[in-house]
Amino acid sequence: MATTTVIAIYFLIWWITLFAVLPFGVRSQHEGEDYAQGTDPGAPIMHSIGRKLIWTTVVATVVFAALTVLYRSNLGILAEFMNWLRPPHYG
């Protein structure tokens, strides 16, 4: 597989994982005792984006490694899955 393809696949997995990780541990201002006047009550108190980026990278790397092992082991699991996704042939 080409290097650019591997980078693109990893980036897609990382991006999807980021959106899955972002809501974890978020508390809004109306849930906490600190409420800044003039802000949206649903705004987060502490976003801790650095920690979420680290978790995103860890989870995406594990998922990418698992998919790489499946692809390189050539067990046919991915080929069967792709055949299952293919529309039926009416001939």
N, C-alpha and C. Protein backbone atom coordinates (compact mmCIF):
# COMPACT_ATOMS: atom_id res chain seq x y z
N MET A 1 0.84 -1.17 0.00
CA MET A 1 0.00 0.00 0.00
C MET A 1 0.90 1.24 0.00
N ALA A 2 0.49 2.26 -0.71
CA ALA A 2 1.28 3.47 -0.81
C ALA A 2 1.27 4.24 0.53
N THR A 3 2.34 4.95 0.76
CA THR A 3 2.47 5.71 2.01
C THR A 3 1.37 6.74 2.16
N THR A 4 1.04 7.41 1.08
CA THR A 4 -0.02 8.42 1.16
C THR A 4 -1.37 7.79 1.50
N THR A 5 -1.61 6.59 1.02
CA THR A 5 -2.85 5.89 1.35
C THR A 5 -2.89 5.54 2.83
N VAL A 6 -1.78 5.07 3.36
CA VAL A 6 -1.71 4.73 4.78
C VAL A 6 -1.94 5.98 5.64
N ILE A 7 -1.32 7.08 5.27
CA ILE A 7 -1.49 8.33 6.02
C ILE A 7 -2.95 8.80 5.94
N ALA A 8 -3.56 8.70 4.78
CA ALA A 8 -4.95 9.12 4.62
C ALA A 8 -5.89 8.25 5.45
N ILE A 9 -5.66 6.95 5.47
CA ILE A 9 -6.50 6.06 6.26
C ILE A 9 -6.34 6.35 7.74
N TYR A 10 -5.11 6.55 8.19
CA TYR A 10 -4.88 6.87 9.60
C TYR A 10 -5.55 8.20 9.96
N PHE A 11 -5.45 9.19 9.09
CA PHE A 11 -6.07 10.48 9.35
C PHE A 11 -7.58 10.35 9.47
N LEU A 12 -8.19 9.57 8.61
CA LEU A 12 -9.64 9.37 8.68
C LEU A 12 -10.04 8.67 9.98
N ILE A 13 -9.30 7.66 10.36
CA ILE A 13 -9.59 6.96 11.62
C ILE A 13 -9.40 7.92 12.79
N TRP A 14 -8.34 8.74 12.76
CA TRP A 14 -8.08 9.69 13.84
C TRP A 14 -9.20 10.71 13.93
N TRP A 15 -9.65 11.22 12.80
CA TRP A 15 -10.69 12.25 12.78
C TRP A 15 -12.01 11.71 13.32
N ILE A 16 -12.40 10.51 12.92
CA ILE A 16 -13.63 9.90 13.40
C ILE A 16 -13.53 9.64 14.90
N THR A 17 -12.36 9.19 15.35
CA THR A 17 -12.14 8.94 16.77
C THR A 17 -12.22 10.23 17.57
N LEU A 18 -11.71 11.32 17.01
CA LEU A 18 -11.78 12.61 17.70
C LEU A 18 -13.23 12.98 18.00
N PHE A 19 -14.11 12.83 17.03
CA PHE A 19 -15.51 13.17 17.25
C PHE A 19 -16.18 12.21 18.24
N ALA A 20 -15.67 11.00 18.35
CA ALA A 20 -16.21 10.07 19.35
C ALA A 20 -15.71 10.42 20.75
N VAL A 21 -14.50 10.95 20.87
CA VAL A 21 -13.88 11.23 22.17
C VAL A 21 -14.29 12.60 22.72
N LEU A 22 -14.59 13.56 21.87
CA LEU A 22 -14.86 14.93 22.31
C LEU A 22 -15.92 15.05 23.41
N PRO A 23 -17.04 14.35 23.37
CA PRO A 23 -18.05 14.58 24.41
C PRO A 23 -17.73 13.96 25.77
N PHE A 24 -16.71 13.11 25.88
CA PHE A 24 -16.42 12.44 27.15
C PHE A 24 -15.98 13.44 28.21
N GLY A 25 -16.62 13.39 29.36
CA GLY A 25 -16.21 14.21 30.49
C GLY A 25 -16.56 15.68 30.41
N VAL A 26 -17.42 16.08 29.50
CA VAL A 26 -17.77 17.49 29.35
C VAL A 26 -18.91 17.81 30.31
N ARG A 27 -18.70 18.87 31.08
CA ARG A 27 -19.75 19.39 31.95
C ARG A 27 -20.06 20.80 31.49
N SER A 28 -21.34 21.09 31.35
CA SER A 28 -21.73 22.42 30.90
C SER A 28 -21.80 23.38 32.09
N GLN A 29 -21.88 24.67 31.78
CA GLN A 29 -21.89 25.68 32.84
C GLN A 29 -23.12 25.59 33.72
N HIS A 30 -24.24 25.21 33.15
CA HIS A 30 -25.45 25.14 33.98
C HIS A 30 -25.42 23.94 34.92
N GLU A 31 -24.53 22.97 34.68
CA GLU A 31 -24.38 21.84 35.59
C GLU A 31 -23.45 22.18 36.75
N GLY A 32 -22.55 23.11 36.54
CA GLY A 32 -21.59 23.48 37.57
C GLY A 32 -22.02 24.71 38.34
N GLU A 33 -21.19 25.09 39.29
CA GLU A 33 -21.52 26.25 40.11
C GLU A 33 -21.04 27.56 39.48
N ASP A 34 -20.07 27.50 38.58
CA ASP A 34 -19.57 28.70 37.91
C ASP A 34 -20.39 28.96 36.65
N TYR A 35 -20.97 30.14 36.60
CA TYR A 35 -21.74 30.51 35.41
C TYR A 35 -21.32 31.91 35.02
N ALA A 36 -20.67 32.04 33.87
CA ALA A 36 -20.22 33.35 33.40
C ALA A 36 -21.38 34.04 32.70
N GLN A 37 -21.69 35.24 33.15
CA GLN A 37 -22.78 36.00 32.54
C GLN A 37 -22.46 36.32 31.09
N GLY A 38 -23.47 36.23 30.24
CA GLY A 38 -23.31 36.55 28.84
C GLY A 38 -22.81 35.40 27.98
N THR A 39 -22.64 34.23 28.57
CA THR A 39 -22.21 33.06 27.80
C THR A 39 -23.36 32.06 27.72
N ASP A 40 -23.23 31.14 26.82
CA ASP A 40 -24.26 30.12 26.64
C ASP A 40 -24.21 29.16 27.82
N PRO A 41 -25.35 28.81 28.41
CA PRO A 41 -25.34 27.88 29.54
C PRO A 41 -24.82 26.49 29.17
N GLY A 42 -24.87 26.14 27.89
CA GLY A 42 -24.38 24.83 27.47
C GLY A 42 -22.89 24.79 27.18
N ALA A 43 -22.21 25.94 27.33
CA ALA A 43 -20.77 25.98 27.08
C ALA A 43 -20.04 25.17 28.15
N PRO A 44 -18.98 24.46 27.75
CA PRO A 44 -18.27 23.63 28.73
C PRO A 44 -17.50 24.46 29.75
N ILE A 45 -17.37 23.92 30.95
CA ILE A 45 -16.60 24.57 32.00
C ILE A 45 -15.11 24.43 31.69
N MET A 46 -14.65 23.19 31.50
CA MET A 46 -13.26 22.91 31.13
C MET A 46 -13.28 21.94 29.98
N HIS A 47 -12.64 22.30 28.90
CA HIS A 47 -12.69 21.44 27.73
C HIS A 47 -11.57 20.41 27.70
N SER A 48 -10.43 20.68 28.30
CA SER A 48 -9.26 19.80 28.36
C SER A 48 -8.96 19.14 27.01
N ILE A 49 -8.78 19.98 26.00
CA ILE A 49 -8.59 19.47 24.63
C ILE A 49 -7.28 18.70 24.47
N GLY A 50 -6.26 19.09 25.20
CA GLY A 50 -4.98 18.38 25.09
C GLY A 50 -5.09 16.92 25.46
N ARG A 51 -5.77 16.66 26.57
CA ARG A 51 -5.95 15.27 27.01
C ARG A 51 -6.79 14.49 26.01
N LYS A 52 -7.78 15.14 25.43
CA LYS A 52 -8.63 14.47 24.45
C LYS A 52 -7.87 14.17 23.16
N LEU A 53 -6.96 15.05 22.77
CA LEU A 53 -6.14 14.78 21.58
C LEU A 53 -5.20 13.60 21.82
N ILE A 54 -4.67 13.50 23.04
CA ILE A 54 -3.80 12.35 23.36
C ILE A 54 -4.62 11.06 23.33
N TRP A 55 -5.80 11.05 23.94
CA TRP A 55 -6.65 9.86 23.91
C TRP A 55 -7.08 9.50 22.50
N THR A 56 -7.36 10.51 21.70
CA THR A 56 -7.73 10.27 20.31
C THR A 56 -6.60 9.59 19.57
N THR A 57 -5.37 10.05 19.77
CA THR A 57 -4.23 9.46 19.09
C THR A 57 -4.00 8.03 19.55
N VAL A 58 -4.14 7.76 20.84
CA VAL A 58 -3.94 6.41 21.36
C VAL A 58 -4.99 5.46 20.78
N VAL A 59 -6.26 5.84 20.85
CA VAL A 59 -7.33 4.97 20.36
C VAL A 59 -7.23 4.78 18.85
N ALA A 60 -6.96 5.84 18.11
CA ALA A 60 -6.84 5.73 16.65
C ALA A 60 -5.67 4.84 16.26
N THR A 61 -4.57 4.91 17.00
CA THR A 61 -3.42 4.07 16.69
C THR A 61 -3.74 2.59 16.95
N VAL A 62 -4.46 2.31 18.01
CA VAL A 62 -4.84 0.92 18.30
C VAL A 62 -5.78 0.39 17.22
N VAL A 63 -6.77 1.19 16.83
CA VAL A 63 -7.71 0.76 15.79
C VAL A 63 -6.98 0.57 14.46
N PHE A 64 -6.10 1.52 14.13
CA PHE A 64 -5.33 1.41 12.89
C PHE A 64 -4.43 0.17 12.89
N ALA A 65 -3.79 -0.10 14.02
CA ALA A 65 -2.93 -1.29 14.12
C ALA A 65 -3.74 -2.57 13.95
N ALA A 66 -4.93 -2.62 14.57
CA ALA A 66 -5.77 -3.81 14.44
C ALA A 66 -6.22 -4.01 12.99
N LEU A 67 -6.61 -2.93 12.33
CA LEU A 67 -7.01 -3.05 10.93
C LEU A 67 -5.84 -3.42 10.03
N THR A 68 -4.65 -2.93 10.35
CA THR A 68 -3.46 -3.28 9.57
C THR A 68 -3.14 -4.76 9.71
N VAL A 69 -3.24 -5.28 10.93
CA VAL A 69 -3.00 -6.71 11.15
C VAL A 69 -4.02 -7.54 10.39
N LEU A 70 -5.28 -7.14 10.41
CA LEU A 70 -6.30 -7.86 9.65
C LEU A 70 -6.01 -7.83 8.16
N TYR A 71 -5.58 -6.68 7.67
CA TYR A 71 -5.30 -6.54 6.24
C TYR A 71 -4.09 -7.36 5.82
N ARG A 72 -3.04 -7.32 6.62
CA ARG A 72 -1.80 -8.03 6.25
C ARG A 72 -1.86 -9.52 6.51
N SER A 73 -2.73 -9.96 7.42
CA SER A 73 -2.83 -11.40 7.69
C SER A 73 -3.51 -12.15 6.55
N ASN A 74 -4.23 -11.39 5.72
CA ASN A 74 -4.86 -11.97 4.53
C ASN A 74 -5.76 -13.16 4.87
N LEU A 75 -6.53 -13.01 5.94
CA LEU A 75 -7.44 -14.07 6.35
C LEU A 75 -8.69 -14.12 5.49
N GLY A 76 -8.90 -13.11 4.71
CA GLY A 76 -10.07 -13.07 3.86
C GLY A 76 -11.27 -12.43 4.52
N ILE A 77 -11.09 -11.96 5.76
CA ILE A 77 -12.21 -11.35 6.48
C ILE A 77 -12.65 -10.07 5.78
N LEU A 78 -11.68 -9.25 5.40
CA LEU A 78 -12.02 -8.00 4.73
C LEU A 78 -12.62 -8.25 3.34
N ALA A 79 -12.12 -9.26 2.63
CA ALA A 79 -12.66 -9.57 1.31
C ALA A 79 -14.10 -10.05 1.42
N GLU A 80 -14.39 -10.87 2.43
CA GLU A 80 -15.76 -11.33 2.63
C GLU A 80 -16.68 -10.17 3.00
N PHE A 81 -16.17 -9.25 3.80
CA PHE A 81 -16.97 -8.09 4.18
C PHE A 81 -17.28 -7.23 2.96
N MET A 82 -16.28 -7.03 2.11
CA MET A 82 -16.49 -6.23 0.91
C MET A 82 -17.47 -6.93 -0.04
N ASN A 83 -17.41 -8.25 -0.14
CA ASN A 83 -18.36 -9.00 -0.96
C ASN A 83 -19.77 -8.87 -0.39
N TRP A 84 -19.88 -8.81 0.91
CA TRP A 84 -21.18 -8.67 1.54
C TRP A 84 -21.77 -7.28 1.25
N LEU A 85 -20.91 -6.26 1.14
CA LEU A 85 -21.38 -4.90 0.85
C LEU A 85 -21.76 -4.69 -0.60
N ARG A 86 -21.22 -5.53 -1.49
CA ARG A 86 -21.48 -5.38 -2.92
C ARG A 86 -22.96 -5.63 -3.21
N PRO A 87 -23.55 -4.82 -4.08
CA PRO A 87 -24.96 -5.05 -4.41
C PRO A 87 -25.12 -6.36 -5.18
N PRO A 88 -26.28 -6.98 -5.06
CA PRO A 88 -26.49 -8.26 -5.73
C PRO A 88 -26.46 -8.10 -7.26
N HIS A 89 -25.98 -9.16 -7.88
CA HIS A 89 -25.90 -9.16 -9.35
C HIS A 89 -27.12 -9.90 -9.90
N TYR A 90 -27.93 -9.18 -10.65
CA TYR A 90 -29.11 -9.80 -11.25
C TYR A 90 -28.81 -10.07 -12.72
N GLY A 91 -28.37 -11.24 -13.03
CA GLY A 91 -27.97 -11.53 -14.38
C GLY A 91 -28.74 -12.54 -15.03
